[in-house]
Amino acid sequence: MTTKQQKVTVDIDLLKNCIYIVKNGELIQVDPPSTGYGEQIAVWLGGKVDRVETKTCKKL
């Protein structure tokens, strides 16, 4: 038995500075660190993004 997959399209704002993740057909927007400095790491488990870890820094 084959399953028929449905194609879905969404509009995204390419002027917005963020990361987009698609997981289970859902678009998830991950905003940058609030301080403007830091790093974000996507952690993968079983071929899917499990979480995004955000580390913020304060520039002196």
PDB file of N, CA and C in Angstrom:
ATOM      1  N   MET A   1       0.846  -1.166   0.000  1.00  0.00           N
ATOM      2  CA  MET A   1       0.000   0.000   0.000  1.00  0.00           C
ATOM      3  C   MET A   1       0.904   1.246   0.000  1.00  0.00           C
ATOM      4  N   THR A   2       0.606   2.175  -0.866  1.00  0.00           N
ATOM      5  CA  THR A   2       1.364   3.426  -0.906  1.00  0.00           C
ATOM      6  C   THR A   2       0.518   4.542  -0.317  1.00  0.00           C
ATOM      7  N   THR A   3       1.183   5.477   0.323  1.00  0.00           N
ATOM      8  CA  THR A   3       0.474   6.628   0.876  1.00  0.00           C
ATOM      9  C   THR A   3       0.724   7.821  -0.025  1.00  0.00           C
ATOM     10  N   LYS A   4      -0.301   8.590  -0.221  1.00  0.00           N
ATOM     11  CA  LYS A   4      -0.207   9.767  -1.066  1.00  0.00           C
ATOM     12  C   LYS A   4       0.174  10.955  -0.190  1.00  0.00           C
ATOM     13  N   GLN A   5       1.302  11.594  -0.514  1.00  0.00           N
ATOM     14  CA  GLN A   5       1.733  12.751   0.254  1.00  0.00           C
ATOM     15  C   GLN A   5       1.160  14.011  -0.367  1.00  0.00           C
ATOM     16  N   GLN A   6       0.783  14.920   0.489  1.00  0.00           N
ATOM     17  CA  GLN A   6       0.199  16.177   0.065  1.00  0.00           C
ATOM     18  C   GLN A   6       1.279  17.242   0.044  1.00  0.00           C
ATOM     19  N   LYS A   7       1.312  18.045  -1.015  1.00  0.00           N
ATOM     20  CA  LYS A   7       2.285  19.117  -1.119  1.00  0.00           C
ATOM     21  C   LYS A   7       1.666  20.398  -0.568  1.00  0.00           C
ATOM     22  N   VAL A   8       2.384  21.031   0.360  1.00  0.00           N
ATOM     23  CA  VAL A   8       1.902  22.252   0.989  1.00  0.00           C
ATOM     24  C   VAL A   8       2.952  23.335   0.759  1.00  0.00           C
ATOM     25  N   THR A   9       2.506  24.523   0.427  1.00  0.00           N
ATOM     26  CA  THR A   9       3.422  25.645   0.285  1.00  0.00           C
ATOM     27  C   THR A   9       3.032  26.738   1.263  1.00  0.00           C
ATOM     28  N   VAL A  10       4.033  27.475   1.732  1.00  0.00           N
ATOM     29  CA  VAL A  10       3.803  28.589   2.641  1.00  0.00           C
ATOM     30  C   VAL A  10       4.640  29.769   2.179  1.00  0.00           C
ATOM     31  N   ASP A  11       4.216  30.955   2.545  1.00  0.00           N
ATOM     32  CA  ASP A  11       4.985  32.156   2.273  1.00  0.00           C
ATOM     33  C   ASP A  11       5.815  32.486   3.504  1.00  0.00           C
ATOM     34  N   ILE A  12       7.082  32.803   3.278  1.00  0.00           N
ATOM     35  CA  ILE A  12       7.937  33.224   4.380  1.00  0.00           C
ATOM     36  C   ILE A  12       8.532  34.581   4.038  1.00  0.00           C
ATOM     37  N   ASP A  13       8.841  35.352   5.067  1.00  0.00           N
ATOM     38  CA  ASP A  13       9.413  36.682   4.903  1.00  0.00           C
ATOM     39  C   ASP A  13      10.928  36.551   4.794  1.00  0.00           C
ATOM     40  N   LEU A  14      11.467  36.735   3.593  1.00  0.00           N
ATOM     41  CA  LEU A  14      12.900  36.596   3.385  1.00  0.00           C
ATOM     42  C   LEU A  14      13.687  37.788   3.922  1.00  0.00           C
ATOM     43  N   LEU A  15      12.995  38.823   4.365  1.00  0.00           N
ATOM     44  CA  LEU A  15      13.668  39.970   4.949  1.00  0.00           C
ATOM     45  C   LEU A  15      13.833  39.818   6.459  1.00  0.00           C
ATOM     46  N   LYS A  16      13.192  38.812   7.057  1.00  0.00           N
ATOM     47  CA  LYS A  16      13.282  38.566   8.500  1.00  0.00           C
ATOM     48  C   LYS A  16      14.522  37.732   8.787  1.00  0.00           C
ATOM     49  N   ASN A  17      15.307  38.166   9.746  1.00  0.00           N
ATOM     50  CA  ASN A  17      16.527  37.473  10.120  1.00  0.00           C
ATOM     51  C   ASN A  17      16.195  36.394  11.154  1.00  0.00           C
ATOM     52  N   CYS A  18      16.027  35.149  10.701  1.00  0.00           N
ATOM     53  CA  CYS A  18      15.678  34.041  11.583  1.00  0.00           C
ATOM     54  C   CYS A  18      16.039  32.723  10.904  1.00  0.00           C
ATOM     55  N   ILE A  19      15.803  31.639  11.606  1.00  0.00           N
ATOM     56  CA  ILE A  19      16.010  30.301  11.059  1.00  0.00           C
ATOM     57  C   ILE A  19      14.648  29.631  10.933  1.00  0.00           C
ATOM     58  N   TYR A  20      14.399  28.983   9.806  1.00  0.00           N
ATOM     59  CA  TYR A  20      13.165  28.225   9.625  1.00  0.00           C
ATOM     60  C   TYR A  20      13.496  26.744   9.621  1.00  0.00           C
ATOM     61  N   ILE A  21      12.720  25.969  10.371  1.00  0.00           N
ATOM     62  CA  ILE A  21      12.865  24.519  10.421  1.00  0.00           C
ATOM     63  C   ILE A  21      11.537  23.907  10.022  1.00  0.00           C
ATOM     64  N   VAL A  22      11.589  22.898   9.162  1.00  0.00           N
ATOM     65  CA  VAL A  22      10.385  22.152   8.813  1.00  0.00           C
ATOM     66  C   VAL A  22      10.452  20.808   9.535  1.00  0.00           C
ATOM     67  N   LYS A  23       9.459  20.551  10.389  1.00  0.00           N
ATOM     68  CA  LYS A  23       9.411  19.294  11.128  1.00  0.00           C
ATOM     69  C   LYS A  23       7.990  18.753  11.088  1.00  0.00           C
ATOM     70  N   ASN A  24       7.852  17.534  10.605  1.00  0.00           N
ATOM     71  CA  ASN A  24       6.546  16.874  10.497  1.00  0.00           C
ATOM     72  C   ASN A  24       5.533  17.730   9.739  1.00  0.00           C
ATOM     73  N   GLY A  25       5.995  18.393   8.685  1.00  0.00           N
ATOM     74  CA  GLY A  25       5.096  19.195   7.866  1.00  0.00           C
ATOM     75  C   GLY A  25       4.743  20.549   8.450  1.00  0.00           C
ATOM     76  N   GLU A  26       5.353  20.911   9.563  1.00  0.00           N
ATOM     77  CA  GLU A  26       5.058  22.185  10.212  1.00  0.00           C
ATOM     78  C   GLU A  26       6.285  23.088  10.105  1.00  0.00           C
ATOM     79  N   LEU A  27       6.071  24.371   9.773  1.00  0.00           N
ATOM     80  CA  LEU A  27       7.149  25.342   9.693  1.00  0.00           C
ATOM     81  C   LEU A  27       7.330  26.002  11.056  1.00  0.00           C
ATOM     82  N   ILE A  28       8.546  25.905  11.586  1.00  0.00           N
ATOM     83  CA  ILE A  28       8.856  26.464  12.900  1.00  0.00           C
ATOM     84  C   ILE A  28       9.878  27.575  12.710  1.00  0.00           C
ATOM     85  N   GLN A  29       9.558  28.750  13.228  1.00  0.00           N
ATOM     86  CA  GLN A  29      10.456  29.889  13.131  1.00  0.00           C
ATOM     87  C   GLN A  29      11.261  30.009  14.416  1.00  0.00           C
ATOM     88  N   VAL A  30      12.578  30.089  14.278  1.00  0.00           N
ATOM     89  CA  VAL A  30      13.462  30.241  15.422  1.00  0.00           C
ATOM     90  C   VAL A  30      14.099  31.622  15.311  1.00  0.00           C
ATOM     91  N   ASP A  31      13.783  32.495  16.247  1.00  0.00           N
ATOM     92  CA  ASP A  31      14.298  33.855  16.227  1.00  0.00           C
ATOM     93  C   ASP A  31      15.729  33.898  16.742  1.00  0.00           C
ATOM     94  N   PRO A  32      16.498  34.917  16.340  1.00  0.00           N
ATOM     95  CA  PRO A  32      17.885  35.030  16.805  1.00  0.00           C
ATOM     96  C   PRO A  32      17.940  35.362  18.293  1.00  0.00           C
ATOM     97  N   PRO A  33      19.111  35.183  18.918  1.00  0.00           N
ATOM     98  CA  PRO A  33      19.250  35.525  20.338  1.00  0.00           C
ATOM     99  C   PRO A  33      18.833  36.975  20.586  1.00  0.00           C
ATOM    100  N   SER A  34      18.182  37.226  21.703  1.00  0.00           N
ATOM    101  CA  SER A  34      17.635  38.553  22.003  1.00  0.00           C
ATOM    102  C   SER A  34      18.715  39.619  22.135  1.00  0.00           C
ATOM    103  N   THR A  35      19.932  39.218  22.528  1.00  0.00           N
ATOM    104  CA  THR A  35      21.009  40.196  22.673  1.00  0.00           C
ATOM    105  C   THR A  35      21.627  40.569  21.334  1.00  0.00           C
ATOM    106  N   GLY A  36      21.330  39.782  20.309  1.00  0.00           N
ATOM    107  CA  GLY A  36      21.940  40.012  19.012  1.00  0.00           C
ATOM    108  C   GLY A  36      23.262  39.285  18.832  1.00  0.00           C
ATOM    109  N   TYR A  37      23.750  38.650  19.896  1.00  0.00           N
ATOM    110  CA  TYR A  37      25.008  37.904  19.858  1.00  0.00           C
ATOM    111  C   TYR A  37      24.781  36.525  20.463  1.00  0.00           C
ATOM    112  N   GLY A  38      25.407  35.519  19.874  1.00  0.00           N
ATOM    113  CA  GLY A  38      25.285  34.175  20.418  1.00  0.00           C
ATOM    114  C   GLY A  38      25.370  33.129  19.333  1.00  0.00           C
ATOM    115  N   GLU A  39      24.921  31.946  19.652  1.00  0.00           N
ATOM    116  CA  GLU A  39      24.922  30.858  18.679  1.00  0.00           C
ATOM    117  C   GLU A  39      23.711  29.971  18.910  1.00  0.00           C
ATOM    118  N   GLN A  40      23.290  29.321  17.833  1.00  0.00           N
ATOM    119  CA  GLN A  40      22.165  28.382  17.904  1.00  0.00           C
ATOM    120  C   GLN A  40      22.594  27.083  17.251  1.00  0.00           C
ATOM    121  N   ILE A  41      22.300  25.994  17.933  1.00  0.00           N
ATOM    122  CA  ILE A  41      22.678  24.669  17.461  1.00  0.00           C
ATOM    123  C   ILE A  41      21.420  23.827  17.321  1.00  0.00           C
ATOM    124  N   ALA A  42      21.224  23.257  16.142  1.00  0.00           N
ATOM    125  CA  ALA A  42      20.108  22.332  15.921  1.00  0.00           C
ATOM    126  C   ALA A  42      20.587  20.927  16.276  1.00  0.00           C
ATOM    127  N   VAL A  43      19.875  20.261  17.177  1.00  0.00           N
ATOM    128  CA  VAL A  43      20.218  18.910  17.616  1.00  0.00           C
ATOM    129  C   VAL A  43      19.288  17.935  16.908  1.00  0.00           C
ATOM    130  N   TRP A  44      19.871  16.990  16.205  1.00  0.00           N
ATOM    131  CA  TRP A  44      19.108  16.016  15.420  1.00  0.00           C
ATOM    132  C   TRP A  44      19.047  14.680  16.149  1.00  0.00           C
ATOM    133  N   LEU A  45      17.876  14.070  16.170  1.00  0.00           N
ATOM    134  CA  LEU A  45      17.680  12.717  16.701  1.00  0.00           C
ATOM    135  C   LEU A  45      16.777  11.953  15.739  1.00  0.00           C
ATOM    136  N   GLY A  46      17.221  10.804  15.312  1.00  0.00           N
ATOM    137  CA  GLY A  46      16.407   9.973  14.428  1.00  0.00           C
ATOM    138  C   GLY A  46      16.076  10.636  13.102  1.00  0.00           C
ATOM    139  N   GLY A  47      16.978  11.482  12.605  1.00  0.00           N
ATOM    140  CA  GLY A  47      16.761  12.120  11.311  1.00  0.00           C
ATOM    141  C   GLY A  47      15.865  13.347  11.346  1.00  0.00           C
ATOM    142  N   LYS A  48      15.482  13.799  12.545  1.00  0.00           N
ATOM    143  CA  LYS A  48      14.624  14.975  12.684  1.00  0.00           C
ATOM    144  C   LYS A  48      15.233  15.913  13.716  1.00  0.00           C
ATOM    145  N   VAL A  49      14.955  17.208  13.555  1.00  0.00           N
ATOM    146  CA  VAL A  49      15.425  18.167  14.544  1.00  0.00           C
ATOM    147  C   VAL A  49      14.663  17.927  15.841  1.00  0.00           C
ATOM    148  N   ASP A  50      15.411  17.701  16.917  1.00  0.00           N
ATOM    149  CA  ASP A  50      14.799  17.446  18.221  1.00  0.00           C
ATOM    150  C   ASP A  50      14.639  18.741  19.008  1.00  0.00           C
ATOM    151  N   ARG A  51      15.669  19.609  18.919  1.00  0.00           N
ATOM    152  CA  ARG A  51      15.619  20.866  19.660  1.00  0.00           C
ATOM    153  C   ARG A  51      16.648  21.829  19.080  1.00  0.00           C
ATOM    154  N   VAL A  52      16.502  23.087  19.428  1.00  0.00           N
ATOM    155  CA  VAL A  52      17.478  24.111  19.075  1.00  0.00           C
ATOM    156  C   VAL A  52      17.996  24.690  20.382  1.00  0.00           C
ATOM    157  N   GLU A  53      19.305  24.614  20.562  1.00  0.00           N
ATOM    158  CA  GLU A  53      19.921  25.151  21.765  1.00  0.00           C
ATOM    159  C   GLU A  53      20.468  26.533  21.443  1.00  0.00           C
ATOM    160  N   THR A  54      20.093  27.519  22.263  1.00  0.00           N
ATOM    161  CA  THR A  54      20.514  28.895  22.040  1.00  0.00           C
ATOM    162  C   THR A  54      21.430  29.341  23.176  1.00  0.00           C
ATOM    163  N   LYS A  55      22.597  29.850  22.791  1.00  0.00           N
ATOM    164  CA  LYS A  55      23.557  30.389  23.760  1.00  0.00           C
ATOM    165  C   LYS A  55      23.673  31.883  23.452  1.00  0.00           C
ATOM    166  N   THR A  56      23.420  32.718  24.447  1.00  0.00           N
ATOM    167  CA  THR A  56      23.501  34.156  24.225  1.00  0.00           C
ATOM    168  C   THR A  56      24.773  34.710  24.857  1.00  0.00           C
ATOM    169  N   CYS A  57      25.237  35.784  24.295  1.00  0.00           N
ATOM    170  CA  CYS A  57      26.430  36.482  24.779  1.00  0.00           C
ATOM    171  C   CYS A  57      26.101  37.958  24.897  1.00  0.00           C
ATOM    172  N   LYS A  58      26.866  38.638  25.716  1.00  0.00           N
ATOM    173  CA  LYS A  58      26.715  40.080  25.840  1.00  0.00           C
ATOM    174  C   LYS A  58      28.043  40.703  25.421  1.00  0.00           C
ATOM    175  N   LYS A  59      27.999  41.513  24.377  1.00  0.00           N
ATOM    176  CA  LYS A  59      29.203  42.158  23.882  1.00  0.00           C
ATOM    177  C   LYS A  59      29.515  43.358  24.762  1.00  0.00           C
ATOM    178  N   LEU A  60      30.757  43.452  25.208  1.00  0.00           N
ATOM    179  CA  LEU A  60      31.161  44.548  26.088  1.00  0.00           C
ATOM    180  C   LEU A  60      31.899  45.633  25.314  1.00  0.00           C
TER     181      LEU A  60
END
